[in-house]
N, C-alpha and C. Protein backbone atom coordinates (compact mmCIF):
# COMPACT_ATOMS: atom_id res chain seq x y z
N MET A 1 -1.80 12.42 -13.71
CA MET A 1 -0.90 13.28 -12.28
C MET A 1 -0.24 12.49 -12.44
N ALA A 2 1.19 12.95 -12.02
CA ALA A 2 1.45 12.23 -10.89
C ALA A 2 1.73 11.80 -9.35
N VAL A 3 2.28 10.80 -8.97
CA VAL A 3 2.08 10.76 -7.53
C VAL A 3 3.10 10.28 -6.94
N THR A 4 3.99 10.51 -5.74
CA THR A 4 4.67 10.38 -5.37
C THR A 4 4.39 9.80 -4.31
N SER A 5 5.10 8.78 -3.87
CA SER A 5 5.00 8.10 -2.98
C SER A 5 6.56 7.84 -1.70
N GLU A 6 6.42 8.44 -0.75
CA GLU A 6 7.53 8.58 -0.07
C GLU A 6 7.32 7.50 1.19
N SER A 7 8.79 6.31 1.36
CA SER A 7 9.26 5.50 2.53
C SER A 7 10.15 6.14 3.10
N THR A 8 10.55 5.78 4.68
CA THR A 8 12.02 6.41 5.02
C THR A 8 12.68 5.42 5.57
N THR A 9 13.89 5.59 5.45
CA THR A 9 14.48 4.28 6.49
C THR A 9 16.04 5.16 7.21
N VAL A 10 15.62 5.10 8.63
CA VAL A 10 16.49 5.45 9.17
C VAL A 10 17.35 4.70 10.15
N TRP A 11 18.46 3.89 10.01
CA TRP A 11 19.63 3.08 9.65
C TRP A 11 20.51 3.73 11.10
N SER A 12 21.08 3.00 11.95
CA SER A 12 22.43 3.21 12.94
C SER A 12 23.42 1.65 13.06
N GLY A 13 24.23 1.83 12.90
CA GLY A 13 25.34 1.28 12.66
C GLY A 13 26.16 0.54 11.60
N ASP A 14 26.93 0.09 11.64
CA ASP A 14 27.64 -0.51 10.74
C ASP A 14 26.92 -1.65 9.95
N LEU A 15 26.70 -2.03 8.29
CA LEU A 15 26.12 -3.10 7.99
C LEU A 15 26.09 -4.55 8.60
N ALA A 16 26.96 -5.14 9.27
CA ALA A 16 26.66 -6.39 10.04
C ALA A 16 25.62 -6.24 10.96
N SER A 17 26.36 -5.34 11.74
CA SER A 17 25.57 -5.28 13.52
C SER A 17 24.38 -4.95 12.79
N GLY A 18 24.46 -3.47 12.18
CA GLY A 18 23.44 -2.37 12.57
C GLY A 18 21.98 -3.10 12.25
N SER A 19 21.07 -2.06 12.39
CA SER A 19 19.64 -2.45 12.25
C SER A 19 18.60 -0.78 12.21
N GLY A 20 17.87 -1.15 11.65
CA GLY A 20 17.03 0.13 11.12
C GLY A 20 15.75 0.14 11.08
N THR A 21 14.71 0.53 10.48
CA THR A 21 13.35 0.62 10.75
C THR A 21 13.32 2.03 9.48
N THR A 22 12.25 0.98 8.50
CA THR A 22 10.95 1.72 6.84
C THR A 22 9.93 1.76 7.48
N THR A 23 9.63 2.99 7.50
CA THR A 23 8.67 3.68 7.85
C THR A 23 8.06 3.69 6.35
N LEU A 24 6.32 3.39 5.62
CA LEU A 24 5.65 3.72 5.23
C LEU A 24 5.10 5.00 5.22
N ASP A 25 5.78 6.19 4.73
CA ASP A 25 4.84 7.58 5.46
C ASP A 25 4.20 8.19 4.32
N SER A 26 4.05 7.50 3.07
CA SER A 26 2.49 8.43 2.03
C SER A 26 1.36 7.58 2.90
N SER A 27 1.44 6.36 3.34
CA SER A 27 0.64 5.89 3.19
C SER A 27 -0.21 5.92 5.47
N GLY A 28 1.35 5.63 5.87
CA GLY A 28 1.63 5.89 7.13
C GLY A 28 1.33 4.02 7.79
N ALA A 29 1.16 3.43 6.94
CA ALA A 29 0.07 1.59 6.61
C ALA A 29 1.27 1.26 8.33
N GLY A 30 2.70 1.73 7.71
CA GLY A 30 3.27 0.94 9.06
C GLY A 30 5.17 0.94 9.35
N THR A 31 5.79 0.45 10.20
CA THR A 31 7.15 0.72 10.29
C THR A 31 7.46 -0.22 10.53
N PHE A 32 8.75 -0.55 9.99
CA PHE A 32 9.25 -2.35 9.96
C PHE A 32 10.64 -1.68 10.49
N ALA A 33 10.95 -3.80 10.92
CA ALA A 33 12.17 -3.24 11.54
C ALA A 33 13.33 -3.84 9.91
N VAL A 34 14.43 -4.06 9.54
CA VAL A 34 15.14 -4.30 9.08
C VAL A 34 16.70 -3.96 9.34
N ASN A 35 17.71 -5.49 8.59
CA ASN A 35 18.79 -5.80 8.54
C ASN A 35 19.29 -6.51 8.34
N TRP A 36 20.35 -6.43 8.43
CA TRP A 36 21.57 -7.54 7.34
C TRP A 36 21.30 -8.83 7.62
N ARG A 37 20.98 -9.15 9.13
CA ARG A 37 20.96 -10.08 9.23
C ARG A 37 19.69 -11.18 8.53
N ALA A 38 18.76 -10.54 8.35
CA ALA A 38 17.36 -10.84 7.36
C ALA A 38 17.56 -10.52 6.22
N ARG A 39 17.98 -9.78 5.80
CA ARG A 39 18.58 -9.83 4.76
C ARG A 39 19.33 -11.43 3.96
N SER A 40 20.22 -11.07 4.86
CA SER A 40 21.26 -12.24 4.15
C SER A 40 20.85 -13.75 4.46
N ASP A 41 20.41 -13.60 5.72
CA ASP A 41 19.91 -15.64 6.04
C ASP A 41 18.24 -15.50 6.45
N GLY A 42 17.40 -14.65 5.96
CA GLY A 42 15.77 -14.91 6.31
C GLY A 42 15.67 -14.79 7.85
N SER A 43 14.40 -14.60 7.91
CA SER A 43 13.85 -14.27 9.19
C SER A 43 12.69 -14.23 9.11
N GLU A 44 11.63 -14.68 10.34
CA GLU A 44 10.48 -14.68 9.94
C GLU A 44 9.58 -13.20 10.52
N SER A 45 10.82 -12.55 11.39
CA SER A 45 9.94 -11.39 12.11
C SER A 45 10.62 -10.00 11.73
N VAL A 46 11.32 -10.06 10.59
CA VAL A 46 12.12 -8.66 10.44
C VAL A 46 11.91 -8.50 8.94
N THR A 47 11.76 -7.25 8.23
CA THR A 47 11.54 -7.70 6.97
C THR A 47 12.53 -7.18 6.61
N THR A 48 12.59 -7.31 5.12
CA THR A 48 13.90 -6.78 3.92
C THR A 48 13.70 -6.20 3.04
N PRO A 49 14.42 -5.34 1.96
CA PRO A 49 14.23 -4.61 0.70
C PRO A 49 13.13 -5.41 0.07
N GLU A 50 14.21 -7.01 -0.57
CA GLU A 50 13.67 -7.62 -0.76
C GLU A 50 11.68 -7.86 -1.18
N GLU A 51 11.26 -8.64 0.60
CA GLU A 51 10.26 -9.08 0.95
C GLU A 51 9.28 -7.34 0.67
N LEU A 52 9.66 -6.00 0.86
CA LEU A 52 8.58 -4.84 0.48
C LEU A 52 8.98 -5.00 -0.98
N LEU A 53 9.86 -4.99 -2.36
CA LEU A 53 9.86 -4.76 -3.49
C LEU A 53 8.78 -6.48 -4.03
N GLY A 54 9.03 -7.14 -3.48
CA GLY A 54 8.07 -8.26 -3.60
C GLY A 54 6.50 -7.43 -3.08
N ALA A 55 6.20 -7.46 -2.43
CA ALA A 55 4.74 -6.56 -2.16
C ALA A 55 4.66 -5.82 -3.26
N ALA A 56 5.05 -4.89 -3.85
CA ALA A 56 4.97 -3.57 -4.76
C ALA A 56 4.83 -4.92 -6.12
N HIS A 57 6.13 -5.63 -5.83
CA HIS A 57 5.66 -6.51 -7.51
C HIS A 57 4.50 -7.29 -7.56
N ALA A 58 4.25 -7.54 -6.27
CA ALA A 58 2.74 -8.40 -6.50
C ALA A 58 1.28 -8.12 -6.90
N ALA A 59 1.47 -6.62 -5.65
CA ALA A 59 0.67 -5.85 -5.86
C ALA A 59 0.34 -4.59 -7.26
N CYS A 60 1.50 -4.16 -7.84
CA CYS A 60 1.43 -4.23 -9.13
C CYS A 60 1.30 -4.82 -10.65
N PHE A 61 1.71 -6.18 -10.08
CA PHE A 61 1.47 -7.45 -11.24
C PHE A 61 -0.09 -7.47 -11.53
N SER A 62 -0.94 -7.63 -10.22
CA SER A 62 -2.40 -8.41 -9.56
C SER A 62 -3.09 -6.87 -10.64
N MET A 63 -2.78 -5.70 -10.28
CA MET A 63 -3.60 -4.42 -11.04
C MET A 63 -3.51 -4.40 -12.48
N ALA A 64 -2.41 -4.53 -12.83
CA ALA A 64 -2.13 -4.72 -14.79
C ALA A 64 -2.79 -5.87 -14.71
N PHE A 65 -2.77 -6.94 -14.14
CA PHE A 65 -3.43 -8.05 -14.82
C PHE A 65 -5.17 -7.76 -14.74
N SER A 66 -5.54 -7.03 -13.41
CA SER A 66 -6.65 -7.11 -13.92
C SER A 66 -7.19 -5.76 -14.67
N HIS A 67 -6.82 -5.15 -14.97
CA HIS A 67 -6.53 -3.76 -16.40
C HIS A 67 -6.66 -4.72 -17.62
N GLU A 68 -5.52 -5.63 -17.54
CA GLU A 68 -5.77 -6.00 -18.99
C GLU A 68 -6.36 -7.18 -19.40
N LEU A 69 -7.13 -7.94 -18.29
CA LEU A 69 -8.02 -8.86 -17.84
C LEU A 69 -9.59 -8.10 -18.98
N ALA A 70 -9.74 -6.96 -17.98
CA ALA A 70 -11.10 -6.29 -18.50
C ALA A 70 -10.95 -5.42 -19.61
N ALA A 71 -9.70 -5.10 -20.16
CA ALA A 71 -9.62 -4.17 -21.78
C ALA A 71 -10.06 -5.72 -22.55
N ALA A 72 -9.63 -6.77 -22.11
CA ALA A 72 -10.16 -7.97 -22.93
C ALA A 72 -11.09 -8.88 -23.00
N GLY A 73 -12.10 -8.09 -22.29
CA GLY A 73 -13.56 -8.38 -22.30
C GLY A 73 -13.47 -9.42 -20.56
N PHE A 74 -12.98 -9.60 -20.07
CA PHE A 74 -12.98 -10.42 -18.81
C PHE A 74 -12.88 -9.81 -16.80
N ALA A 75 -13.84 -9.62 -16.78
CA ALA A 75 -14.01 -9.50 -15.55
C ALA A 75 -13.61 -10.52 -14.50
N PRO A 76 -12.03 -10.70 -14.28
CA PRO A 76 -11.83 -11.39 -13.04
C PRO A 76 -12.96 -11.08 -11.49
N ASP A 77 -12.50 -12.44 -10.71
CA ASP A 77 -13.71 -12.16 -9.46
C ASP A 77 -12.43 -12.01 -8.42
N SER A 78 -11.33 -13.03 -8.82
CA SER A 78 -10.56 -12.70 -7.75
C SER A 78 -8.47 -12.51 -8.60
N ILE A 79 -7.50 -11.98 -7.98
CA ILE A 79 -6.59 -12.52 -8.21
C ILE A 79 -5.39 -12.70 -7.29
N GLN A 80 -5.31 -13.57 -7.25
CA GLN A 80 -3.69 -13.82 -5.96
C GLN A 80 -2.64 -13.56 -6.45
N THR A 81 -1.55 -12.80 -6.13
CA THR A 81 0.15 -12.73 -6.81
C THR A 81 1.15 -12.96 -5.24
N THR A 82 2.06 -13.93 -5.71
CA THR A 82 3.05 -13.48 -4.50
C THR A 82 3.89 -13.45 -5.88
N ALA A 83 4.97 -11.95 -5.17
CA ALA A 83 6.23 -12.51 -5.77
C ALA A 83 7.53 -12.87 -4.57
N ALA A 84 7.61 -13.96 -5.41
CA ALA A 84 8.90 -13.92 -4.74
C ALA A 84 10.42 -13.34 -5.20
N VAL A 85 10.79 -12.51 -4.67
CA VAL A 85 11.94 -11.76 -4.78
C VAL A 85 13.52 -12.29 -4.26
N THR A 86 14.47 -12.79 -5.36
CA THR A 86 15.65 -13.53 -4.38
C THR A 86 16.50 -12.85 -4.30
N PHE A 87 17.88 -12.98 -3.29
CA PHE A 87 18.49 -12.15 -2.76
C PHE A 87 19.69 -12.98 -2.41
N ASP A 88 20.96 -12.83 -3.04
CA ASP A 88 21.92 -13.63 -3.11
C ASP A 88 22.68 -12.57 -2.42
N PRO A 89 23.86 -12.21 -1.00
CA PRO A 89 24.41 -11.66 -0.72
C PRO A 89 25.61 -11.02 -1.68
N ALA A 90 26.39 -12.29 -2.38
CA ALA A 90 27.68 -12.07 -3.48
C ALA A 90 26.80 -11.46 -4.68
N GLU A 91 25.63 -11.82 -5.00
CA GLU A 91 25.13 -10.94 -6.38
C GLU A 91 23.82 -9.90 -6.63
N GLY A 92 23.22 -10.00 -5.22
CA GLY A 92 21.97 -8.51 -5.10
C GLY A 92 21.01 -9.70 -5.53
N ILE A 93 19.71 -8.57 -6.27
CA ILE A 93 18.64 -9.14 -6.62
C ILE A 93 19.16 -10.01 -7.40
N THR A 94 18.38 -11.43 -7.56
CA THR A 94 18.52 -11.93 -8.63
C THR A 94 17.99 -12.09 -9.72
N GLY A 95 16.44 -12.17 -9.10
CA GLY A 95 15.26 -12.28 -10.13
C GLY A 95 14.15 -11.93 -8.97
N SER A 96 12.61 -12.14 -9.65
CA SER A 96 11.39 -12.09 -9.29
C SER A 96 10.73 -13.04 -10.10
N HIS A 97 10.19 -14.29 -8.66
CA HIS A 97 9.09 -14.64 -9.64
C HIS A 97 7.47 -15.06 -9.27
N LEU A 98 6.51 -14.56 -9.91
CA LEU A 98 5.33 -14.21 -10.24
C LEU A 98 4.30 -15.27 -10.13
N LEU A 99 4.07 -16.00 -8.91
CA LEU A 99 2.80 -17.06 -8.30
C LEU A 99 1.56 -16.46 -8.86
N VAL A 100 0.86 -17.14 -9.52
CA VAL A 100 -0.81 -16.51 -9.63
C VAL A 100 -1.49 -17.26 -9.40
N SER A 101 -2.84 -16.92 -9.32
CA SER A 101 -4.03 -17.90 -9.35
C SER A 101 -4.60 -17.19 -8.92
N ALA A 102 -6.18 -16.47 -10.60
CA ALA A 102 -6.67 -16.19 -10.69
C ALA A 102 -8.28 -16.87 -10.72
N GLN A 103 -9.32 -16.09 -10.32
CA GLN A 103 -10.90 -16.76 -10.72
C GLN A 103 -10.98 -16.01 -12.08
N VAL A 104 -11.31 -16.26 -13.91
CA VAL A 104 -11.88 -15.50 -14.60
C VAL A 104 -12.88 -16.15 -14.57
N PRO A 105 -14.06 -16.09 -14.87
CA PRO A 105 -14.88 -16.64 -15.48
C PRO A 105 -15.03 -16.46 -16.66
N GLY A 106 -14.92 -17.59 -17.85
CA GLY A 106 -15.42 -17.50 -19.52
C GLY A 106 -14.02 -17.28 -19.98
N ILE A 107 -12.90 -17.62 -19.57
CA ILE A 107 -11.50 -17.21 -20.22
C ILE A 107 -11.45 -18.49 -20.23
N GLY A 108 -10.46 -18.86 -21.24
CA GLY A 108 -9.90 -20.09 -22.05
C GLY A 108 -8.51 -19.68 -21.42
N GLU A 109 -7.61 -20.88 -21.02
CA GLU A 109 -6.39 -21.00 -20.63
C GLU A 109 -5.17 -20.49 -21.24
N ALA A 110 -5.35 -20.56 -23.01
CA ALA A 110 -3.94 -19.75 -23.98
C ALA A 110 -4.58 -18.43 -23.89
N ALA A 111 -5.93 -17.53 -23.69
CA ALA A 111 -5.88 -16.54 -23.17
C ALA A 111 -5.45 -16.07 -22.01
N PHE A 112 -5.46 -16.55 -21.20
CA PHE A 112 -5.54 -16.52 -20.02
C PHE A 112 -4.00 -16.27 -19.48
N GLN A 113 -3.11 -17.03 -20.38
CA GLN A 113 -1.22 -16.91 -20.06
C GLN A 113 -0.96 -15.72 -21.27
N ARG A 114 -1.43 -15.47 -21.86
CA ARG A 114 -0.86 -14.44 -23.27
C ARG A 114 -1.52 -12.58 -22.30
N ILE A 115 -2.46 -13.46 -21.82
CA ILE A 115 -3.25 -11.84 -20.97
C ILE A 115 -1.75 -11.92 -20.08
N ALA A 116 -1.64 -12.36 -19.19
CA ALA A 116 -0.72 -13.13 -17.72
C ALA A 116 0.61 -12.31 -18.45
N GLU A 117 0.97 -12.77 -19.80
CA GLU A 117 2.36 -12.64 -19.56
C GLU A 117 2.29 -10.81 -20.22
N SER A 118 1.46 -10.55 -21.22
CA SER A 118 1.34 -9.10 -21.04
C SER A 118 1.10 -8.53 -19.84
N ALA A 119 0.91 -8.38 -18.79
CA ALA A 119 0.46 -7.85 -17.96
C ALA A 119 1.67 -8.23 -16.75
N LYS A 120 2.43 -9.03 -17.04
CA LYS A 120 4.03 -9.40 -16.58
C LYS A 120 4.90 -8.01 -17.28
N ALA A 121 4.41 -8.09 -18.19
CA ALA A 121 5.41 -7.03 -19.50
C ALA A 121 5.43 -6.01 -19.06
N GLY A 122 3.81 -5.32 -18.76
CA GLY A 122 3.47 -4.53 -19.18
C GLY A 122 3.01 -3.24 -17.90
N CYS A 123 3.87 -4.12 -16.42
CA CYS A 123 3.25 -4.02 -14.68
C CYS A 123 5.04 -2.67 -14.70
N PRO A 124 4.00 -1.34 -13.97
CA PRO A 124 5.20 -0.40 -14.14
C PRO A 124 6.89 -0.88 -13.45
N VAL A 125 6.29 -2.15 -12.53
CA VAL A 125 7.61 -2.54 -11.37
C VAL A 125 8.33 -3.04 -11.81
N SER A 126 7.43 -4.70 -12.42
CA SER A 126 7.86 -5.15 -13.97
C SER A 126 9.59 -4.37 -14.56
N ARG A 127 8.44 -3.22 -14.90
CA ARG A 127 9.36 -2.65 -15.94
C ARG A 127 10.53 -1.77 -15.82
N ALA A 128 10.07 -1.69 -14.11
CA ALA A 128 11.56 -1.30 -13.24
C ALA A 128 12.71 -1.44 -12.86
N LEU A 129 12.43 -3.61 -12.89
CA LEU A 129 12.66 -4.60 -12.21
C LEU A 129 13.91 -4.99 -13.82
N ALA A 130 13.61 -3.98 -14.79
CA ALA A 130 14.41 -4.97 -15.89
C ALA A 130 15.55 -5.43 -15.82
N GLY A 131 16.50 -5.42 -14.62
CA GLY A 131 17.91 -5.61 -14.99
C GLY A 131 17.64 -7.12 -14.48
N ILE A 132 16.42 -7.56 -14.12
CA ILE A 132 16.90 -8.89 -13.82
C ILE A 132 15.82 -9.54 -13.75
N PRO A 133 15.66 -11.18 -14.21
CA PRO A 133 14.58 -11.67 -14.52
C PRO A 133 13.65 -11.57 -13.93
N ILE A 134 12.41 -12.04 -14.84
CA ILE A 134 11.20 -11.95 -13.82
C ILE A 134 10.32 -13.49 -14.31
N THR A 135 10.20 -14.23 -13.65
CA THR A 135 9.05 -15.39 -14.09
C THR A 135 8.23 -15.62 -13.57
N LEU A 136 7.04 -15.56 -14.58
CA LEU A 136 5.93 -15.94 -14.11
C LEU A 136 4.94 -17.09 -14.34
N GLU A 137 4.37 -17.97 -12.98
CA GLU A 137 3.70 -18.80 -13.20
C GLU A 137 1.93 -18.66 -12.92
N ALA A 138 0.95 -18.75 -13.73
CA ALA A 138 -0.38 -18.26 -13.77
C ALA A 138 -1.26 -19.32 -13.54
N SER A 139 -1.79 -19.04 -12.77
CA SER A 139 -2.65 -20.53 -13.35
C SER A 139 -4.58 -19.96 -12.96
N LEU A 140 -5.84 -20.42 -13.55
CA LEU A 140 -6.81 -20.97 -13.45
C LEU A 140 -7.60 -21.14 -11.83
N ALA A 141 -8.02 -20.55 -11.49
CA ALA A 141 -8.55 -21.44 -9.94
C ALA A 141 -9.41 -22.29 -10.02
């Protein structure tokens, strides 16, 4: 069964001086301020499309990795994934770097790396981001 998730952004003004809010409609989990300055210069209090994309990529990879580990006979105790999505105002989104630390009892390093790479390739968000480089740095905790 397909599930559709929705978010809504309301924007006021032009790109450079305008601002908006993005609401996670399906979950009701929150409403977040967005603006160009945060996107092009960075911000500690205003989100960006890239931060939201990073959240999606980190969550998706963690789920895919957990699934692939279980299919290979390993039960992860924990998986922590950070997705660093880079935005260049002149070029757009230029990449996503997955930084993963996981506790997986009984797994060897080679199997861990192989399964992590497979999860990176198979993650639906990774597949949706096929137009940009996706890098992976995975370590056993």
